[in-house]
Amino acid sequence: MSADEEARYAPAAVALMTGVSAHVLRAWERRYGAVEPRRTPGGARRYSEREIARLRLLRRAVRAGHPIGEVARLTDAEVARLLGDGSVVPE
């Protein structure tokens, strides 16, 4: 993992950055495998820039009416195509 991909954001910060509440973040992770944040030695979740970008993209798809259970299985490129734009996270 490069320095810019380092998982360093706590759930509360991610919630503010993405508009997805910490409660919904946990549900999306647990139920749908939308992202897999790293864990600190103490077990706290930490998110990378890439995961934050994916969560923003997924939120846009859900707000556009797509069920999270369907879009969470897709790649970022597939979600972006579904939304009809180029807002994709580089792979």
N, C-alpha and C. Protein backbone atom coordinates (compact mmCIF):
# COMPACT_ATOMS: atom_id res chain seq x y z
N MET A 1 0.86 -1.17 0.00
CA MET A 1 0.00 0.00 0.00
C MET A 1 0.91 1.24 0.00
N SER A 2 0.70 2.14 -0.92
CA SER A 2 1.51 3.35 -1.00
C SER A 2 1.07 4.34 0.06
N ALA A 3 1.88 5.38 0.25
CA ALA A 3 1.59 6.37 1.29
C ALA A 3 0.24 7.04 1.08
N ASP A 4 -0.12 7.31 -0.20
CA ASP A 4 -1.40 7.99 -0.45
C ASP A 4 -2.60 7.06 -0.29
N GLU A 5 -2.35 5.74 -0.24
CA GLU A 5 -3.43 4.79 -0.04
C GLU A 5 -3.52 4.30 1.40
N GLU A 6 -2.65 4.83 2.26
CA GLU A 6 -2.62 4.39 3.64
C GLU A 6 -3.99 4.56 4.29
N ALA A 7 -4.43 3.52 4.95
CA ALA A 7 -5.73 3.55 5.62
C ALA A 7 -5.57 4.34 6.91
N ARG A 8 -6.14 5.55 6.94
CA ARG A 8 -5.91 6.41 8.09
C ARG A 8 -7.15 7.15 8.60
N TYR A 9 -8.26 6.99 7.93
CA TYR A 9 -9.45 7.75 8.33
C TYR A 9 -10.38 6.92 9.19
N ALA A 10 -10.79 7.48 10.30
CA ALA A 10 -11.72 6.82 11.22
C ALA A 10 -13.14 6.91 10.67
N PRO A 11 -14.02 6.02 11.11
CA PRO A 11 -15.41 6.03 10.61
C PRO A 11 -16.11 7.37 10.74
N ALA A 12 -15.91 8.09 11.81
CA ALA A 12 -16.59 9.38 11.98
C ALA A 12 -16.14 10.37 10.90
N ALA A 13 -14.85 10.38 10.60
CA ALA A 13 -14.34 11.27 9.55
C ALA A 13 -14.87 10.84 8.18
N VAL A 14 -14.91 9.56 7.95
CA VAL A 14 -15.41 9.05 6.67
C VAL A 14 -16.88 9.40 6.50
N ALA A 15 -17.64 9.31 7.57
CA ALA A 15 -19.06 9.67 7.51
C ALA A 15 -19.22 11.12 7.07
N LEU A 16 -18.40 12.00 7.61
CA LEU A 16 -18.46 13.41 7.23
C LEU A 16 -18.01 13.62 5.78
N MET A 17 -17.00 12.88 5.36
CA MET A 17 -16.44 13.05 4.02
C MET A 17 -17.33 12.48 2.92
N THR A 18 -18.13 11.47 3.25
CA THR A 18 -18.91 10.78 2.23
C THR A 18 -20.41 11.04 2.31
N GLY A 19 -20.88 11.48 3.46
CA GLY A 19 -22.31 11.63 3.64
C GLY A 19 -23.00 10.31 3.97
N VAL A 20 -22.21 9.29 4.26
CA VAL A 20 -22.74 7.97 4.65
C VAL A 20 -22.48 7.83 6.15
N SER A 21 -23.54 7.67 6.93
CA SER A 21 -23.37 7.60 8.38
C SER A 21 -22.51 6.40 8.79
N ALA A 22 -21.90 6.49 9.97
CA ALA A 22 -21.08 5.40 10.49
C ALA A 22 -21.89 4.12 10.60
N HIS A 23 -23.15 4.24 10.98
CA HIS A 23 -24.03 3.08 11.09
C HIS A 23 -24.22 2.42 9.72
N VAL A 24 -24.46 3.22 8.70
CA VAL A 24 -24.65 2.69 7.34
C VAL A 24 -23.34 2.12 6.81
N LEU A 25 -22.22 2.77 7.13
CA LEU A 25 -20.91 2.23 6.72
C LEU A 25 -20.75 0.80 7.22
N ARG A 26 -21.02 0.59 8.49
CA ARG A 26 -20.89 -0.76 9.06
C ARG A 26 -21.82 -1.74 8.36
N ALA A 27 -23.04 -1.32 8.09
CA ALA A 27 -24.00 -2.20 7.42
C ALA A 27 -23.52 -2.53 6.01
N TRP A 28 -23.06 -1.54 5.27
CA TRP A 28 -22.59 -1.78 3.90
C TRP A 28 -21.39 -2.73 3.90
N GLU A 29 -20.52 -2.59 4.90
CA GLU A 29 -19.36 -3.49 5.00
C GLU A 29 -19.80 -4.91 5.34
N ARG A 30 -20.59 -5.03 6.38
CA ARG A 30 -20.98 -6.34 6.91
C ARG A 30 -21.92 -7.08 5.95
N ARG A 31 -22.95 -6.41 5.48
CA ARG A 31 -23.97 -7.08 4.66
C ARG A 31 -23.58 -7.25 3.20
N TYR A 32 -22.88 -6.23 2.66
CA TYR A 32 -22.66 -6.21 1.21
C TYR A 32 -21.20 -6.25 0.79
N GLY A 33 -20.28 -6.16 1.73
CA GLY A 33 -18.86 -6.18 1.38
C GLY A 33 -18.45 -5.01 0.51
N ALA A 34 -19.11 -3.87 0.70
CA ALA A 34 -18.86 -2.69 -0.15
C ALA A 34 -17.40 -2.24 -0.08
N VAL A 35 -16.82 -2.24 1.10
CA VAL A 35 -15.41 -1.94 1.32
C VAL A 35 -14.91 -2.83 2.45
N GLU A 36 -13.60 -2.97 2.55
CA GLU A 36 -13.00 -3.74 3.63
C GLU A 36 -11.92 -2.89 4.28
N PRO A 37 -12.31 -2.04 5.23
CA PRO A 37 -11.31 -1.17 5.86
C PRO A 37 -10.30 -1.98 6.65
N ARG A 38 -9.12 -1.43 6.74
CA ARG A 38 -8.07 -2.05 7.56
C ARG A 38 -8.42 -1.83 9.02
N ARG A 39 -7.76 -2.60 9.86
CA ARG A 39 -7.98 -2.49 11.31
C ARG A 39 -6.67 -2.09 11.99
N THR A 40 -6.79 -1.27 13.01
CA THR A 40 -5.62 -0.95 13.83
C THR A 40 -5.34 -2.15 14.72
N PRO A 41 -4.19 -2.19 15.36
CA PRO A 41 -3.93 -3.29 16.30
C PRO A 41 -5.01 -3.41 17.38
N GLY A 42 -5.66 -2.31 17.71
CA GLY A 42 -6.74 -2.34 18.70
C GLY A 42 -8.09 -2.72 18.12
N GLY A 43 -8.15 -2.91 16.79
CA GLY A 43 -9.39 -3.34 16.15
C GLY A 43 -10.24 -2.23 15.55
N ALA A 44 -9.79 -0.97 15.64
CA ALA A 44 -10.55 0.14 15.08
C ALA A 44 -10.42 0.14 13.55
N ARG A 45 -11.50 0.45 12.88
CA ARG A 45 -11.50 0.50 11.41
C ARG A 45 -10.84 1.78 10.92
N ARG A 46 -10.07 1.66 9.83
CA ARG A 46 -9.43 2.80 9.18
C ARG A 46 -9.60 2.65 7.68
N TYR A 47 -9.99 3.75 7.04
CA TYR A 47 -10.31 3.75 5.62
C TYR A 47 -9.25 4.49 4.82
N SER A 48 -9.01 4.01 3.61
CA SER A 48 -8.06 4.65 2.69
C SER A 48 -8.79 5.66 1.81
N GLU A 49 -8.03 6.47 1.10
CA GLU A 49 -8.60 7.43 0.14
C GLU A 49 -9.41 6.68 -0.91
N ARG A 50 -8.91 5.57 -1.36
CA ARG A 50 -9.59 4.77 -2.39
C ARG A 50 -10.95 4.27 -1.89
N GLU A 51 -10.99 3.81 -0.65
CA GLU A 51 -12.26 3.35 -0.08
C GLU A 51 -13.25 4.50 0.07
N ILE A 52 -12.74 5.65 0.44
CA ILE A 52 -13.60 6.83 0.57
C ILE A 52 -14.19 7.20 -0.78
N ALA A 53 -13.37 7.16 -1.82
CA ALA A 53 -13.86 7.46 -3.17
C ALA A 53 -14.92 6.44 -3.59
N ARG A 54 -14.70 5.17 -3.26
CA ARG A 54 -15.69 4.14 -3.60
C ARG A 54 -16.99 4.38 -2.85
N LEU A 55 -16.91 4.72 -1.59
CA LEU A 55 -18.12 4.98 -0.81
C LEU A 55 -18.90 6.16 -1.38
N ARG A 56 -18.20 7.19 -1.81
CA ARG A 56 -18.88 8.33 -2.44
C ARG A 56 -19.60 7.89 -3.72
N LEU A 57 -18.94 7.08 -4.51
CA LEU A 57 -19.53 6.58 -5.75
C LEU A 57 -20.76 5.72 -5.45
N LEU A 58 -20.63 4.83 -4.47
CA LEU A 58 -21.77 3.98 -4.10
C LEU A 58 -22.93 4.82 -3.57
N ARG A 59 -22.63 5.83 -2.79
CA ARG A 59 -23.69 6.71 -2.28
C ARG A 59 -24.44 7.38 -3.43
N ARG A 60 -23.70 7.84 -4.42
CA ARG A 60 -24.34 8.47 -5.58
C ARG A 60 -25.26 7.47 -6.28
N ALA A 61 -24.81 6.24 -6.43
CA ALA A 61 -25.62 5.23 -7.10
C ALA A 61 -26.90 4.94 -6.30
N VAL A 62 -26.76 4.84 -4.99
CA VAL A 62 -27.93 4.58 -4.13
C VAL A 62 -28.89 5.76 -4.21
N ARG A 63 -28.36 6.96 -4.18
CA ARG A 63 -29.23 8.15 -4.27
C ARG A 63 -29.92 8.22 -5.63
N ALA A 64 -29.31 7.60 -6.65
CA ALA A 64 -29.91 7.58 -7.99
C ALA A 64 -30.95 6.46 -8.11
N GLY A 65 -31.14 5.69 -7.03
CA GLY A 65 -32.18 4.68 -7.02
C GLY A 65 -31.73 3.24 -7.17
N HIS A 66 -30.43 3.02 -7.21
CA HIS A 66 -29.91 1.66 -7.35
C HIS A 66 -29.74 1.02 -5.97
N PRO A 67 -30.19 -0.21 -5.79
CA PRO A 67 -30.06 -0.88 -4.48
C PRO A 67 -28.59 -1.14 -4.14
N ILE A 68 -28.22 -0.88 -2.91
CA ILE A 68 -26.83 -1.09 -2.48
C ILE A 68 -26.42 -2.55 -2.67
N GLY A 69 -27.32 -3.46 -2.47
CA GLY A 69 -27.00 -4.88 -2.64
C GLY A 69 -26.57 -5.22 -4.05
N GLU A 70 -27.02 -4.46 -5.02
CA GLU A 70 -26.62 -4.68 -6.41
C GLU A 70 -25.34 -3.92 -6.76
N VAL A 71 -25.26 -2.65 -6.39
CA VAL A 71 -24.09 -1.85 -6.80
C VAL A 71 -22.84 -2.19 -6.00
N ALA A 72 -22.98 -2.70 -4.78
CA ALA A 72 -21.81 -3.04 -3.98
C ALA A 72 -21.01 -4.18 -4.61
N ARG A 73 -21.66 -5.01 -5.40
CA ARG A 73 -20.98 -6.13 -6.07
C ARG A 73 -20.21 -5.69 -7.30
N LEU A 74 -20.50 -4.50 -7.79
CA LEU A 74 -19.89 -4.02 -9.03
C LEU A 74 -18.53 -3.37 -8.77
N THR A 75 -17.71 -3.33 -9.81
CA THR A 75 -16.46 -2.59 -9.72
C THR A 75 -16.79 -1.10 -9.78
N ASP A 76 -15.83 -0.28 -9.43
CA ASP A 76 -16.04 1.16 -9.51
C ASP A 76 -16.34 1.59 -10.93
N ALA A 77 -15.65 1.00 -11.90
CA ALA A 77 -15.90 1.34 -13.30
C ALA A 77 -17.32 0.98 -13.71
N GLU A 78 -17.82 -0.15 -13.25
CA GLU A 78 -19.18 -0.56 -13.58
C GLU A 78 -20.21 0.37 -12.95
N VAL A 79 -19.95 0.80 -11.72
CA VAL A 79 -20.87 1.73 -11.06
C VAL A 79 -20.87 3.06 -11.81
N ALA A 80 -19.70 3.53 -12.20
CA ALA A 80 -19.60 4.79 -12.94
C ALA A 80 -20.36 4.69 -14.26
N ARG A 81 -20.22 3.56 -14.96
CA ARG A 81 -20.97 3.37 -16.21
C ARG A 81 -22.47 3.37 -15.94
N LEU A 82 -22.88 2.75 -14.86
CA LEU A 82 -24.29 2.71 -14.49
C LEU A 82 -24.82 4.13 -14.26
N LEU A 83 -23.97 4.98 -13.70
CA LEU A 83 -24.34 6.36 -13.45
C LEU A 83 -24.19 7.23 -14.70
N GLY A 84 -23.54 6.67 -15.72
CA GLY A 84 -23.39 7.39 -16.96
C GLY A 84 -22.37 8.51 -16.93
N ASP A 85 -21.34 8.33 -16.10
CA ASP A 85 -20.30 9.36 -16.06
C ASP A 85 -18.92 8.74 -15.87
N GLY A 86 -17.95 9.57 -15.79
CA GLY A 86 -16.58 9.11 -15.67
C GLY A 86 -16.04 9.18 -14.25
N SER A 87 -16.89 9.23 -13.26
CA SER A 87 -16.43 9.36 -11.88
C SER A 87 -16.01 7.99 -11.33
N VAL A 88 -14.87 7.54 -11.79
CA VAL A 88 -14.39 6.22 -11.39
C VAL A 88 -13.06 6.35 -10.65
N VAL A 89 -12.85 5.47 -9.72
CA VAL A 89 -11.59 5.42 -8.98
C VAL A 89 -10.61 4.61 -9.81
N PRO A 90 -9.40 5.10 -10.05
CA PRO A 90 -8.43 4.32 -10.81
C PRO A 90 -8.17 2.98 -10.16
N GLU A 91 -8.06 1.94 -10.97
CA GLU A 91 -7.83 0.59 -10.43
C GLU A 91 -6.37 0.25 -10.44
